[in-house]
Amino acid sequence: MARKILMCGNEACGEGAVLAGCRLYAGYPITPQNELTAYMSKRMSETGRIFIQAESELAAINMVFGAAAAGARAMTSSSSPGISLKQEGISYIAACELPAVIVNVQRGGPGLGNIAPAQSDYFQSVKGGGHGDYRLIVLAPASVQDMLDYTFHAFDLADKYRNPVLILADGLLGQMMEPLDLKSTVHSPQSIEKPWALTGCAGRKANFIRSLILTDAELEAHNIKLQAKYAVIKENETRAETYNMKNAEIVIVAYGSMARIGKAVVERCRAKGLKVGLIRPVTLWPFPDKIIREAAETAKKFLVVEMSAGQMVEDVMLSVLGNAEVHFYGRMGGMIPSEEEITAKVEAIA
């Protein structure tokens, strides 16, 4: 395969999974991520791996649960309503400390909504969409290249921490096409021993993987163990990109597709003499609160831009600790904020 190729984001995500050694993909069709399912049906067959079009989203996530418990690298993908259906299984996977990769190519909601891009699944993704005190590592790509690279990286993170990782994209990133460097991921997938896996216990002590823990004290001890792991993840894996932050007096905070538009807004504003910079959270959980808090020591106005009614803005407010004004601009239902709209908002708060 050529080093550079034109791909849409959904296909790039699938190729990242293949390069990472994904052994099983189980999914169910839903727009706007169907190109990913179609791509995996072809590539998994070509590489001698397992592709399953499940009978439902519930079946798909539980197939991933089973494959992960057996030690295989496994992935599923869907779009907003389908991810909602997977939440119980995701909670089980997190409780059982199993590595898995889940991809959400968001669409407009709530309910069935439409098939246009949105970012209204932020709360569901970073606060725990299922039941219980659990966390997902959440990565937010902003380009087709990111769709490949972050998916590749997600499998390594999942194995490293025995925790599910969510790729939170949107319909714009999934459908758009850009040149892709297939060899940008220069290292081989990490090979991590999995002595806990259910691989048959002939000649060894049996392994048990379960999330049903009926003794109160034992369940609390398990939760304390999970929280300690999440603290380590937060310490080691928090990521954000900063853009033109030198002497910035106003900071745009945006992720994914909105961060791309945000960069263009920064250039427009700088050309007008406004000192504007941008922070793009790469990990939505763990959230880069320290980076935002440090920026609030000098920049006293923040503008959070989302394709939602305002969700990440709450985490930005918590991060600045009252040391800066936090403003919001968003569009809903699949509407995409334009450079002109965001620039006008920046000028209004300047």
Foldseek 3Di string as FASTA:
>chain_A
DDQKDKDALLLLLLLLCVQLQAQEEEEEDDPPNNVNLVNCVPVNVVVVGYYYDDPALCVRLVVQLQCQLQPGAYEYEDEDVSVLNCQVSQVLQQLLLTEYEYEYAYAFDDPPFDRFWFDACLCCQAVRVHDDPAGAWEFFDAASQCSNVVSSVSRLVCLVLSHYHYYYAHSVRRGDIDMYRSCPPPDGHDDDDDPQHQNDAVPHDGHDGGNDDPDPVVNVVSVVVRVVSLVVCLVPPWDKDKFQLVQAQEEEEEEHNVVVQVNVLCVVCVVVVHRYIYIYGRTSVVYPLVVLCVSLVRHAHYEYEGQHPDDCLVVSCVSVVPSHHYHYDYHHSNDDDHSVNVNVVVVVVD
